[in-house]
Structure formats: structure tokens, C-alpha cells
Amino acid sequence: MTKPLAISPVQWDQALGLARQSCARIFRDGGSPADAARAFGLEGAPDWDNAIKGIASSLCHGTR
């Protein structure tokens, strides 16, 4: 995944790690990418990659 330009590399790596971990737990419990996105107050995501990127971006920008 490509890091957005306006975000520090360390912050992006940390946010990606947290997003991946959260998505893995939701997947393990039978959830979908849309469920993962909604858990973070985002619109549904069509696949896991988009869910992870959207969650990481929201963590970096403080939107929820």
C-alpha cells in the first residue's frame, strides 16, 4: 500500500498495523470488509484491501 504524502511514514505504518489487526479479528469472527469499515464509522468497503486503507487513513486523519 502506498503511503499518502501528507502522513508521516511512522504514523502510516502504525495505522496500517492496527487496521490489519482489526480486520483480521473481524474476519476471524465471520465479518465482511463492510463490517470492518462500519466498525470504524466508515462507509462499507468492497474488499479487505480497501477496508484496511480506509481504516488506516481515518486513524491518521482522526476522522470517525
PDB file of N, CA and C in Angstrom:
ATOM      1  N   MET A   1       0.835  -1.177   0.000  1.00  0.00           N
ATOM      2  CA  MET A   1       0.000   0.000   0.000  1.00  0.00           C
ATOM      3  C   MET A   1       0.879   1.240   0.000  1.00  0.00           C
ATOM      4  N   THR A   2       0.492   2.177  -0.771  1.00  0.00           N
ATOM      5  CA  THR A   2       1.242   3.405  -0.891  1.00  0.00           C
ATOM      6  C   THR A   2       0.852   4.379   0.206  1.00  0.00           C
ATOM      7  N   LYS A   3       1.853   4.956   0.846  1.00  0.00           N
ATOM      8  CA  LYS A   3       1.618   5.916   1.923  1.00  0.00           C
ATOM      9  C   LYS A   3       1.169   7.239   1.342  1.00  0.00           C
ATOM     10  N   PRO A   4       0.078   7.801   1.893  1.00  0.00           N
ATOM     11  CA  PRO A   4      -0.316   9.153   1.459  1.00  0.00           C
ATOM     12  C   PRO A   4       0.792  10.156   1.780  1.00  0.00           C
ATOM     13  N   LEU A   5       0.949  11.165   0.941  1.00  0.00           N
ATOM     14  CA  LEU A   5       2.049  12.114   1.090  1.00  0.00           C
ATOM     15  C   LEU A   5       1.965  12.955   2.365  1.00  0.00           C
ATOM     16  N   ALA A   6       0.775  13.278   2.829  1.00  0.00           N
ATOM     17  CA  ALA A   6       0.618  14.196   3.955  1.00  0.00           C
ATOM     18  C   ALA A   6       0.728  13.498   5.323  1.00  0.00           C
ATOM     19  N   ILE A   7       1.082  12.219   5.326  1.00  0.00           N
ATOM     20  CA  ILE A   7       1.142  11.458   6.580  1.00  0.00           C
ATOM     21  C   ILE A   7       2.566  10.967   6.795  1.00  0.00           C
ATOM     22  N   SER A   8       3.027  11.046   8.035  1.00  0.00           N
ATOM     23  CA  SER A   8       4.379  10.581   8.328  1.00  0.00           C
ATOM     24  C   SER A   8       4.456   9.061   8.125  1.00  0.00           C
ATOM     25  N   PRO A   9       5.587   8.564   7.650  1.00  0.00           N
ATOM     26  CA  PRO A   9       5.738   7.126   7.411  1.00  0.00           C
ATOM     27  C   PRO A   9       5.523   6.288   8.672  1.00  0.00           C
ATOM     28  N   VAL A  10       5.976   6.772   9.801  1.00  0.00           N
ATOM     29  CA  VAL A  10       5.817   6.024  11.047  1.00  0.00           C
ATOM     30  C   VAL A  10       4.340   5.937  11.419  1.00  0.00           C
ATOM     31  N   GLN A  11       3.644   7.072  11.324  1.00  0.00           N
ATOM     32  CA  GLN A  11       2.223   7.085  11.647  1.00  0.00           C
ATOM     33  C   GLN A  11       1.454   6.151  10.705  1.00  0.00           C
ATOM     34  N   TRP A  12       1.769   6.170   9.421  1.00  0.00           N
ATOM     35  CA  TRP A  12       1.079   5.323   8.448  1.00  0.00           C
ATOM     36  C   TRP A  12       1.318   3.847   8.741  1.00  0.00           C
ATOM     37  N   ASP A  13       2.564   3.476   9.051  1.00  0.00           N
ATOM     38  CA  ASP A  13       2.875   2.079   9.364  1.00  0.00           C
ATOM     39  C   ASP A  13       2.130   1.606  10.612  1.00  0.00           C
ATOM     40  N   GLN A  14       2.065   2.465  11.617  1.00  0.00           N
ATOM     41  CA  GLN A  14       1.337   2.109  12.844  1.00  0.00           C
ATOM     42  C   GLN A  14      -0.165   1.962  12.561  1.00  0.00           C
ATOM     43  N   ALA A  15      -0.722   2.871  11.790  1.00  0.00           N
ATOM     44  CA  ALA A  15      -2.148   2.818  11.461  1.00  0.00           C
ATOM     45  C   ALA A  15      -2.470   1.584  10.623  1.00  0.00           C
ATOM     46  N   LEU A  16      -1.593   1.243   9.679  1.00  0.00           N
ATOM     47  CA  LEU A  16      -1.804   0.038   8.873  1.00  0.00           C
ATOM     48  C   LEU A  16      -1.780  -1.216   9.747  1.00  0.00           C
ATOM     49  N   GLY A  17      -0.863  -1.260  10.685  1.00  0.00           N
ATOM     50  CA  GLY A  17      -0.785  -2.411  11.581  1.00  0.00           C
ATOM     51  C   GLY A  17      -2.057  -2.577  12.393  1.00  0.00           C
ATOM     52  N   LEU A  18      -2.549  -1.485  12.936  1.00  0.00           N
ATOM     53  CA  LEU A  18      -3.776  -1.541  13.721  1.00  0.00           C
ATOM     54  C   LEU A  18      -4.970  -1.898  12.842  1.00  0.00           C
ATOM     55  N   ALA A  19      -5.035  -1.336  11.650  1.00  0.00           N
ATOM     56  CA  ALA A  19      -6.133  -1.642  10.730  1.00  0.00           C
ATOM     57  C   ALA A  19      -6.109  -3.111  10.323  1.00  0.00           C
ATOM     58  N   ARG A  20      -4.934  -3.646  10.021  1.00  0.00           N
ATOM     59  CA  ARG A  20      -4.820  -5.062   9.641  1.00  0.00           C
ATOM     60  C   ARG A  20      -5.232  -5.973  10.792  1.00  0.00           C
ATOM     61  N   GLN A  21      -4.793  -5.637  11.981  1.00  0.00           N
ATOM     62  CA  GLN A  21      -5.138  -6.443  13.153  1.00  0.00           C
ATOM     63  C   GLN A  21      -6.648  -6.418  13.395  1.00  0.00           C
ATOM     64  N   SER A  22      -7.244  -5.255  13.287  1.00  0.00           N
ATOM     65  CA  SER A  22      -8.690  -5.133  13.489  1.00  0.00           C
ATOM     66  C   SER A  22      -9.454  -5.920  12.427  1.00  0.00           C
ATOM     67  N   CYS A  23      -9.026  -5.793  11.173  1.00  0.00           N
ATOM     68  CA  CYS A  23      -9.696  -6.521  10.092  1.00  0.00           C
ATOM     69  C   CYS A  23      -9.529  -8.030  10.254  1.00  0.00           C
ATOM     70  N   ALA A  24      -8.381  -8.465  10.707  1.00  0.00           N
ATOM     71  CA  ALA A  24      -8.164  -9.892  10.918  1.00  0.00           C
ATOM     72  C   ALA A  24      -9.111 -10.437  11.983  1.00  0.00           C
ATOM     73  N   ARG A  25      -9.324  -9.691  13.034  1.00  0.00           N
ATOM     74  CA  ARG A  25     -10.241 -10.135  14.089  1.00  0.00           C
ATOM     75  C   ARG A  25     -11.676 -10.179  13.583  1.00  0.00           C
ATOM     76  N   ILE A  26     -12.062  -9.190  12.815  1.00  0.00           N
ATOM     77  CA  ILE A  26     -13.421  -9.164  12.274  1.00  0.00           C
ATOM     78  C   ILE A  26     -13.602 -10.314  11.284  1.00  0.00           C
ATOM     79  N   PHE A  27     -12.597 -10.569  10.446  1.00  0.00           N
ATOM     80  CA  PHE A  27     -12.640 -11.683   9.502  1.00  0.00           C
ATOM     81  C   PHE A  27     -12.756 -13.013  10.243  1.00  0.00           C
ATOM     82  N   ARG A  28     -11.964 -13.176  11.289  1.00  0.00           N
ATOM     83  CA  ARG A  28     -11.965 -14.405  12.071  1.00  0.00           C
ATOM     84  C   ARG A  28     -13.340 -14.678  12.684  1.00  0.00           C
ATOM     85  N   ASP A  29     -14.045 -13.606  13.032  1.00  0.00           N
ATOM     86  CA  ASP A  29     -15.365 -13.756  13.638  1.00  0.00           C
ATOM     87  C   ASP A  29     -16.479 -13.839  12.598  1.00  0.00           C
ATOM     88  N   GLY A  30     -16.110 -13.955  11.324  1.00  0.00           N
ATOM     89  CA  GLY A  30     -17.090 -14.134  10.265  1.00  0.00           C
ATOM     90  C   GLY A  30     -17.603 -12.850   9.642  1.00  0.00           C
ATOM     91  N   GLY A  31     -16.946 -11.744   9.920  1.00  0.00           N
ATOM     92  CA  GLY A  31     -17.375 -10.459   9.374  1.00  0.00           C
ATOM     93  C   GLY A  31     -16.872 -10.229   7.964  1.00  0.00           C
ATOM     94  N   SER A  32     -17.400  -9.195   7.362  1.00  0.00           N
ATOM     95  CA  SER A  32     -17.037  -8.829   5.988  1.00  0.00           C
ATOM     96  C   SER A  32     -16.221  -7.531   6.006  1.00  0.00           C
ATOM     97  N   PRO A  33     -15.635  -7.172   4.861  1.00  0.00           N
ATOM     98  CA  PRO A  33     -14.926  -5.890   4.794  1.00  0.00           C
ATOM     99  C   PRO A  33     -15.840  -4.707   5.129  1.00  0.00           C
ATOM    100  N   ALA A  34     -17.093  -4.797   4.713  1.00  0.00           N
ATOM    101  CA  ALA A  34     -18.041  -3.720   5.022  1.00  0.00           C
ATOM    102  C   ALA A  34     -18.273  -3.620   6.527  1.00  0.00           C
ATOM    103  N   ASP A  35     -18.316  -4.760   7.222  1.00  0.00           N
ATOM    104  CA  ASP A  35     -18.473  -4.752   8.677  1.00  0.00           C
ATOM    105  C   ASP A  35     -17.280  -4.063   9.338  1.00  0.00           C
ATOM    106  N   ALA A  36     -16.094  -4.358   8.833  1.00  0.00           N
ATOM    107  CA  ALA A  36     -14.879  -3.744   9.394  1.00  0.00           C
ATOM    108  C   ALA A  36     -14.902  -2.230   9.202  1.00  0.00           C
ATOM    109  N   ALA A  37     -15.273  -1.794   8.019  1.00  0.00           N
ATOM    110  CA  ALA A  37     -15.327  -0.353   7.753  1.00  0.00           C
ATOM    111  C   ALA A  37     -16.366   0.314   8.649  1.00  0.00           C
ATOM    112  N   ARG A  38     -17.532  -0.312   8.776  1.00  0.00           N
ATOM    113  CA  ARG A  38     -18.580   0.269   9.624  1.00  0.00           C
ATOM    114  C   ARG A  38     -18.172   0.320  11.093  1.00  0.00           C
ATOM    115  N   ALA A  39     -17.336  -0.610  11.533  1.00  0.00           N
ATOM    116  CA  ALA A  39     -16.864  -0.599  12.919  1.00  0.00           C
ATOM    117  C   ALA A  39     -16.052   0.663  13.217  1.00  0.00           C
ATOM    118  N   PHE A  40     -15.490   1.267  12.184  1.00  0.00           N
ATOM    119  CA  PHE A  40     -14.713   2.496  12.342  1.00  0.00           C
ATOM    120  C   PHE A  40     -15.480   3.722  11.841  1.00  0.00           C
ATOM    121  N   GLY A  41     -16.785   3.563  11.629  1.00  0.00           N
ATOM    122  CA  GLY A  41     -17.619   4.684  11.222  1.00  0.00           C
ATOM    123  C   GLY A  41     -17.480   5.083   9.772  1.00  0.00           C
ATOM    124  N   LEU A  42     -17.021   4.166   8.933  1.00  0.00           N
ATOM    125  CA  LEU A  42     -16.826   4.453   7.511  1.00  0.00           C
ATOM    126  C   LEU A  42     -17.910   3.782   6.686  1.00  0.00           C
ATOM    127  N   GLU A  43     -18.033   4.210   5.439  1.00  0.00           N
ATOM    128  CA  GLU A  43     -18.946   3.534   4.514  1.00  0.00           C
ATOM    129  C   GLU A  43     -18.410   2.132   4.263  1.00  0.00           C
ATOM    130  N   GLY A  44     -19.270   1.231   3.854  1.00  0.00           N
ATOM    131  CA  GLY A  44     -18.857  -0.141   3.570  1.00  0.00           C
ATOM    132  C   GLY A  44     -17.749  -0.213   2.533  1.00  0.00           C
ATOM    133  N   ALA A  45     -16.876  -1.175   2.683  1.00  0.00           N
ATOM    134  CA  ALA A  45     -15.759  -1.364   1.752  1.00  0.00           C
ATOM    135  C   ALA A  45     -16.006  -2.632   0.925  1.00  0.00           C
ATOM    136  N   PRO A  46     -15.672  -2.609  -0.370  1.00  0.00           N
ATOM    137  CA  PRO A  46     -15.929  -3.763  -1.225  1.00  0.00           C
ATOM    138  C   PRO A  46     -14.966  -4.940  -1.002  1.00  0.00           C
ATOM    139  N   ASP A  47     -13.766  -4.657  -0.473  1.00  0.00           N
ATOM    140  CA  ASP A  47     -12.805  -5.737  -0.240  1.00  0.00           C
ATOM    141  C   ASP A  47     -11.915  -5.379   0.950  1.00  0.00           C
ATOM    142  N   TRP A  48     -11.127  -6.355   1.377  1.00  0.00           N
ATOM    143  CA  TRP A  48     -10.311  -6.158   2.584  1.00  0.00           C
ATOM    144  C   TRP A  48      -9.237  -5.103   2.383  1.00  0.00           C
ATOM    145  N   ASP A  49      -8.653  -5.036   1.204  1.00  0.00           N
ATOM    146  CA  ASP A  49      -7.609  -4.045   0.941  1.00  0.00           C
ATOM    147  C   ASP A  49      -8.146  -2.627   1.115  1.00  0.00           C
ATOM    148  N   ASN A  50      -9.317  -2.373   0.548  1.00  0.00           N
ATOM    149  CA  ASN A  50      -9.922  -1.044   0.681  1.00  0.00           C
ATOM    150  C   ASN A  50     -10.344  -0.767   2.117  1.00  0.00           C
ATOM    151  N   ALA A  51     -10.805  -1.789   2.818  1.00  0.00           N
ATOM    152  CA  ALA A  51     -11.186  -1.608   4.223  1.00  0.00           C
ATOM    153  C   ALA A  51      -9.964  -1.206   5.050  1.00  0.00           C
ATOM    154  N   ILE A  52      -8.841  -1.893   4.836  1.00  0.00           N
ATOM    155  CA  ILE A  52      -7.621  -1.595   5.590  1.00  0.00           C
ATOM    156  C   ILE A  52      -7.127  -0.183   5.285  1.00  0.00           C
ATOM    157  N   LYS A  53      -7.089   0.184   4.000  1.00  0.00           N
ATOM    158  CA  LYS A  53      -6.637   1.531   3.629  1.00  0.00           C
ATOM    159  C   LYS A  53      -7.550   2.608   4.205  1.00  0.00           C
ATOM    160  N   GLY A  54      -8.847   2.387   4.141  1.00  0.00           N
ATOM    161  CA  GLY A  54      -9.793   3.364   4.667  1.00  0.00           C
ATOM    162  C   GLY A  54      -9.684   3.529   6.170  1.00  0.00           C
ATOM    163  N   ILE A  55      -9.534   2.419   6.874  1.00  0.00           N
ATOM    164  CA  ILE A  55      -9.396   2.470   8.333  1.00  0.00           C
ATOM    165  C   ILE A  55      -8.096   3.161   8.712  1.00  0.00           C
ATOM    166  N   ALA A  56      -7.004   2.798   8.054  1.00  0.00           N
ATOM    167  CA  ALA A  56      -5.713   3.434   8.356  1.00  0.00           C
ATOM    168  C   ALA A  56      -5.767   4.931   8.087  1.00  0.00           C
ATOM    169  N   SER A  57      -6.380   5.309   7.004  1.00  0.00           N
ATOM    170  CA  SER A  57      -6.496   6.734   6.678  1.00  0.00           C
ATOM    171  C   SER A  57      -7.326   7.470   7.728  1.00  0.00           C
ATOM    172  N   SER A  58      -8.416   6.857   8.159  1.00  0.00           N
ATOM    173  CA  SER A  58      -9.243   7.514   9.176  1.00  0.00           C
ATOM    174  C   SER A  58      -8.504   7.630  10.512  1.00  0.00           C
ATOM    175  N   LEU A  59      -7.682   6.650  10.826  1.00  0.00           N
ATOM    176  CA  LEU A  59      -6.884   6.721  12.056  1.00  0.00           C
ATOM    177  C   LEU A  59      -5.865   7.850  11.978  1.00  0.00           C
ATOM    178  N   CYS A  60      -5.257   8.029  10.814  1.00  0.00           N
ATOM    179  CA  CYS A  60      -4.249   9.086  10.654  1.00  0.00           C
ATOM    180  C   CYS A  60      -4.864  10.476  10.636  1.00  0.00           C
ATOM    181  N   HIS A  61      -6.041  10.594  10.084  1.00  0.00           N
ATOM    182  CA  HIS A  61      -6.681  11.903   9.972  1.00  0.00           C
ATOM    183  C   HIS A  61      -7.609  12.207  11.130  1.00  0.00           C
ATOM    184  N   GLY A  62      -7.814  11.255  12.001  1.00  0.00           N
ATOM    185  CA  GLY A  62      -8.660  11.486  13.158  1.00  0.00           C
ATOM    186  C   GLY A  62     -10.135  11.605  12.830  1.00  0.00           C
ATOM    187  N   THR A  63     -10.550  11.106  11.664  1.00  0.00           N
ATOM    188  CA  THR A  63     -11.966  11.149  11.319  1.00  0.00           C
ATOM    189  C   THR A  63     -12.635   9.881  11.775  1.00  0.00           C
ATOM    190  N   ARG A  64     -13.839  10.050  12.227  1.00  0.00           N
ATOM    191  CA  ARG A  64     -14.603   8.887  12.644  1.00  0.00           C
ATOM    192  C   ARG A  64     -16.049   9.211  12.658  1.00  0.00           C
TER     193      ARG A  64
END
